[in-house]
Amino acid sequence: MSGFELNAPPLPKEGHTLQWPALPDSQFSMALAQTARRSKSPVLLITNSSEEAEQRRRELQFFIPDHGPDALPILTLPDWETL
């Protein structure tokens, strides 16, 4: 996917999903934070492990303040819960 912008990642069209290219280090979380700010709907991230979920949560908390006008909730499900 050429032209991928970390500060303005593409949003999926309504009713569709979107796959991003592999992004190194915390760039994925930065792009996800930007997506959450721009999206009119909740953003769901499914990880491979509880360790990865915790790492993403910490990274997202760095990019998204927990109070103020830009605050967004970051919620996690317990690792014992399955969907």
N, C-alpha and C. Protein backbone atom coordinates (compact mmCIF):
# COMPACT_ATOMS: atom_id res chain seq x y z
N MET A 1 0.86 -1.17 0.00
CA MET A 1 0.00 0.00 0.00
C MET A 1 0.91 1.23 0.00
N SER A 2 1.05 1.83 -1.12
CA SER A 2 1.93 2.99 -1.20
C SER A 2 1.20 4.24 -0.73
N GLY A 3 1.96 5.20 -0.25
CA GLY A 3 1.37 6.45 0.20
C GLY A 3 0.67 6.37 1.53
N PHE A 4 1.01 5.39 2.37
CA PHE A 4 0.38 5.26 3.69
C PHE A 4 0.84 6.41 4.57
N GLU A 5 -0.09 7.16 5.12
CA GLU A 5 0.21 8.31 5.98
C GLU A 5 -0.07 7.96 7.44
N LEU A 6 0.95 8.01 8.28
CA LEU A 6 0.75 7.70 9.70
C LEU A 6 -0.20 8.68 10.38
N ASN A 7 -0.16 9.94 9.97
CA ASN A 7 -1.03 10.95 10.61
C ASN A 7 -2.43 10.96 10.04
N ALA A 8 -2.67 10.27 8.94
CA ALA A 8 -4.00 10.21 8.33
C ALA A 8 -4.16 8.86 7.64
N PRO A 9 -4.12 7.75 8.42
CA PRO A 9 -4.26 6.44 7.79
C PRO A 9 -5.64 6.29 7.17
N PRO A 10 -5.75 5.45 6.14
CA PRO A 10 -7.05 5.28 5.49
C PRO A 10 -8.06 4.63 6.44
N LEU A 11 -9.30 5.05 6.31
CA LEU A 11 -10.40 4.44 7.06
C LEU A 11 -11.14 3.50 6.14
N PRO A 12 -11.67 2.38 6.67
CA PRO A 12 -12.44 1.49 5.81
C PRO A 12 -13.78 2.12 5.43
N LYS A 13 -14.27 1.74 4.29
CA LYS A 13 -15.60 2.18 3.90
C LYS A 13 -16.61 1.46 4.78
N GLU A 14 -17.76 2.07 4.96
CA GLU A 14 -18.79 1.50 5.83
C GLU A 14 -19.11 0.06 5.42
N GLY A 15 -19.10 -0.82 6.41
CA GLY A 15 -19.41 -2.23 6.17
C GLY A 15 -18.24 -3.04 5.64
N HIS A 16 -17.05 -2.45 5.57
CA HIS A 16 -15.88 -3.13 5.05
C HIS A 16 -14.75 -3.12 6.08
N THR A 17 -13.79 -3.97 5.87
CA THR A 17 -12.58 -3.97 6.69
C THR A 17 -11.42 -3.45 5.84
N LEU A 18 -10.32 -3.18 6.50
CA LEU A 18 -9.16 -2.63 5.80
C LEU A 18 -7.91 -3.21 6.43
N GLN A 19 -6.98 -3.63 5.61
CA GLN A 19 -5.71 -4.15 6.12
C GLN A 19 -4.61 -3.16 5.80
N TRP A 20 -3.85 -2.79 6.83
CA TRP A 20 -2.73 -1.87 6.66
C TRP A 20 -1.46 -2.66 6.39
N PRO A 21 -0.45 -1.99 5.84
CA PRO A 21 0.85 -2.67 5.71
C PRO A 21 1.48 -2.86 7.08
N ALA A 22 2.44 -3.74 7.16
CA ALA A 22 3.17 -3.94 8.42
C ALA A 22 3.90 -2.66 8.78
N LEU A 23 3.68 -2.18 10.00
CA LEU A 23 4.33 -0.96 10.46
C LEU A 23 5.26 -1.30 11.61
N PRO A 24 6.50 -0.78 11.59
CA PRO A 24 7.47 -1.13 12.63
C PRO A 24 7.19 -0.44 13.96
N ASP A 25 7.62 -1.14 15.01
CA ASP A 25 7.60 -0.59 16.37
C ASP A 25 6.23 -0.02 16.74
N SER A 26 6.20 1.16 17.33
CA SER A 26 4.93 1.73 17.79
C SER A 26 4.23 2.56 16.72
N GLN A 27 4.71 2.52 15.48
CA GLN A 27 4.04 3.25 14.41
C GLN A 27 2.61 2.74 14.19
N PHE A 28 2.40 1.44 14.40
CA PHE A 28 1.05 0.89 14.27
C PHE A 28 0.11 1.55 15.27
N SER A 29 0.55 1.66 16.51
CA SER A 29 -0.29 2.27 17.55
C SER A 29 -0.53 3.75 17.27
N MET A 30 0.47 4.43 16.73
CA MET A 30 0.29 5.83 16.36
C MET A 30 -0.77 5.96 15.28
N ALA A 31 -0.70 5.11 14.26
CA ALA A 31 -1.70 5.13 13.18
C ALA A 31 -3.09 4.76 13.71
N LEU A 32 -3.14 3.79 14.63
CA LEU A 32 -4.42 3.39 15.21
C LEU A 32 -5.03 4.52 16.03
N ALA A 33 -4.19 5.24 16.77
CA ALA A 33 -4.68 6.39 17.55
C ALA A 33 -5.25 7.46 16.62
N GLN A 34 -4.58 7.73 15.52
CA GLN A 34 -5.09 8.71 14.55
C GLN A 34 -6.42 8.24 13.95
N THR A 35 -6.51 6.96 13.68
CA THR A 35 -7.75 6.39 13.14
C THR A 35 -8.89 6.55 14.14
N ALA A 36 -8.62 6.26 15.41
CA ALA A 36 -9.66 6.38 16.44
C ALA A 36 -10.14 7.82 16.56
N ARG A 37 -9.24 8.77 16.43
CA ARG A 37 -9.63 10.19 16.50
C ARG A 37 -10.53 10.58 15.34
N ARG A 38 -10.26 10.04 14.16
CA ARG A 38 -11.00 10.42 12.95
C ARG A 38 -12.28 9.62 12.75
N SER A 39 -12.36 8.44 13.34
CA SER A 39 -13.50 7.56 13.12
C SER A 39 -14.73 8.03 13.88
N LYS A 40 -15.88 7.84 13.27
CA LYS A 40 -17.15 8.17 13.93
C LYS A 40 -17.69 6.94 14.68
N SER A 41 -17.02 5.82 14.54
CA SER A 41 -17.43 4.56 15.17
C SER A 41 -16.31 4.05 16.06
N PRO A 42 -16.63 3.13 16.97
CA PRO A 42 -15.57 2.52 17.77
C PRO A 42 -14.58 1.78 16.87
N VAL A 43 -13.35 1.68 17.33
CA VAL A 43 -12.30 0.96 16.60
C VAL A 43 -11.95 -0.27 17.42
N LEU A 44 -11.94 -1.43 16.79
CA LEU A 44 -11.66 -2.69 17.47
C LEU A 44 -10.31 -3.22 17.00
N LEU A 45 -9.46 -3.57 17.95
CA LEU A 45 -8.18 -4.20 17.65
C LEU A 45 -8.16 -5.56 18.31
N ILE A 46 -7.92 -6.59 17.54
CA ILE A 46 -7.80 -7.95 18.07
C ILE A 46 -6.33 -8.35 17.97
N THR A 47 -5.77 -8.78 19.08
CA THR A 47 -4.35 -9.14 19.13
C THR A 47 -4.19 -10.65 19.26
N ASN A 48 -2.97 -11.13 19.02
CA ASN A 48 -2.68 -12.56 19.11
C ASN A 48 -2.48 -13.05 20.53
N SER A 49 -2.20 -12.14 21.46
CA SER A 49 -1.93 -12.56 22.83
C SER A 49 -2.27 -11.44 23.80
N SER A 50 -2.38 -11.78 25.08
CA SER A 50 -2.64 -10.76 26.10
C SER A 50 -1.42 -9.85 26.26
N GLU A 51 -0.22 -10.38 26.01
CA GLU A 51 0.98 -9.55 26.09
C GLU A 51 0.97 -8.48 25.01
N GLU A 52 0.58 -8.87 23.79
CA GLU A 52 0.50 -7.89 22.71
C GLU A 52 -0.59 -6.86 22.99
N ALA A 53 -1.71 -7.30 23.54
CA ALA A 53 -2.80 -6.38 23.89
C ALA A 53 -2.33 -5.35 24.91
N GLU A 54 -1.58 -5.81 25.91
CA GLU A 54 -1.07 -4.90 26.94
C GLU A 54 -0.07 -3.91 26.35
N GLN A 55 0.80 -4.39 25.47
CA GLN A 55 1.77 -3.50 24.81
C GLN A 55 1.06 -2.44 23.99
N ARG A 56 0.04 -2.83 23.21
CA ARG A 56 -0.72 -1.87 22.40
C ARG A 56 -1.46 -0.88 23.29
N ARG A 57 -2.02 -1.36 24.39
CA ARG A 57 -2.73 -0.46 25.31
C ARG A 57 -1.78 0.62 25.84
N ARG A 58 -0.59 0.21 26.26
CA ARG A 58 0.39 1.18 26.75
C ARG A 58 0.79 2.18 25.67
N GLU A 59 1.01 1.69 24.47
CA GLU A 59 1.38 2.58 23.36
C GLU A 59 0.24 3.55 23.04
N LEU A 60 -0.99 3.03 23.00
CA LEU A 60 -2.14 3.91 22.70
C LEU A 60 -2.32 4.97 23.78
N GLN A 61 -2.07 4.61 25.04
CA GLN A 61 -2.18 5.61 26.11
C GLN A 61 -1.15 6.72 25.95
N PHE A 62 -0.04 6.43 25.31
CA PHE A 62 0.95 7.46 25.03
C PHE A 62 0.43 8.43 23.97
N PHE A 63 -0.23 7.90 22.94
CA PHE A 63 -0.70 8.72 21.82
C PHE A 63 -2.07 9.35 22.05
N ILE A 64 -2.87 8.78 22.96
CA ILE A 64 -4.23 9.29 23.22
C ILE A 64 -4.31 9.70 24.69
N PRO A 65 -4.55 10.97 24.98
CA PRO A 65 -4.64 11.40 26.38
C PRO A 65 -5.88 10.79 27.06
N ASP A 66 -5.79 10.61 28.38
CA ASP A 66 -6.93 10.04 29.11
C ASP A 66 -7.89 11.10 29.64
N HIS A 67 -7.58 12.37 29.40
CA HIS A 67 -8.52 13.44 29.77
C HIS A 67 -8.29 14.63 28.84
N GLY A 68 -9.26 15.51 28.80
CA GLY A 68 -9.18 16.67 27.91
C GLY A 68 -9.99 16.46 26.64
N PRO A 69 -9.96 17.42 25.73
CA PRO A 69 -10.82 17.37 24.55
C PRO A 69 -10.47 16.25 23.57
N ASP A 70 -9.23 15.76 23.59
CA ASP A 70 -8.83 14.68 22.68
C ASP A 70 -8.87 13.30 23.33
N ALA A 71 -9.43 13.21 24.53
CA ALA A 71 -9.44 11.95 25.26
C ALA A 71 -10.38 10.94 24.58
N LEU A 72 -9.94 9.69 24.56
CA LEU A 72 -10.75 8.58 24.07
C LEU A 72 -10.57 7.41 25.03
N PRO A 73 -11.63 6.65 25.29
CA PRO A 73 -11.46 5.49 26.17
C PRO A 73 -10.71 4.36 25.45
N ILE A 74 -9.83 3.71 26.18
CA ILE A 74 -9.13 2.53 25.68
C ILE A 74 -9.55 1.38 26.59
N LEU A 75 -10.31 0.46 26.05
CA LEU A 75 -10.85 -0.63 26.84
C LEU A 75 -10.23 -1.95 26.40
N THR A 76 -9.99 -2.83 27.35
CA THR A 76 -9.47 -4.16 27.03
C THR A 76 -10.37 -5.21 27.67
N LEU A 77 -10.46 -6.36 27.00
CA LEU A 77 -11.19 -7.49 27.55
C LEU A 77 -10.20 -8.37 28.30
N PRO A 78 -10.63 -8.99 29.39
CA PRO A 78 -9.73 -9.92 30.09
C PRO A 78 -9.29 -11.04 29.16
N ASP A 79 -8.07 -11.53 29.33
CA ASP A 79 -7.57 -12.55 28.42
C ASP A 79 -8.29 -13.88 28.55
N TRP A 80 -9.01 -14.11 29.61
CA TRP A 80 -9.76 -15.36 29.76
C TRP A 80 -11.09 -15.33 29.03
N GLU A 81 -11.47 -14.17 28.52
CA GLU A 81 -12.73 -14.07 27.81
C GLU A 81 -12.49 -14.33 26.34
N THR A 82 -13.33 -15.13 25.74
CA THR A 82 -13.19 -15.43 24.32
C THR A 82 -14.40 -14.92 23.57
N LEU A 83 -14.19 -14.59 22.33
CA LEU A 83 -15.29 -14.12 21.48
C LEU A 83 -15.73 -15.20 20.56
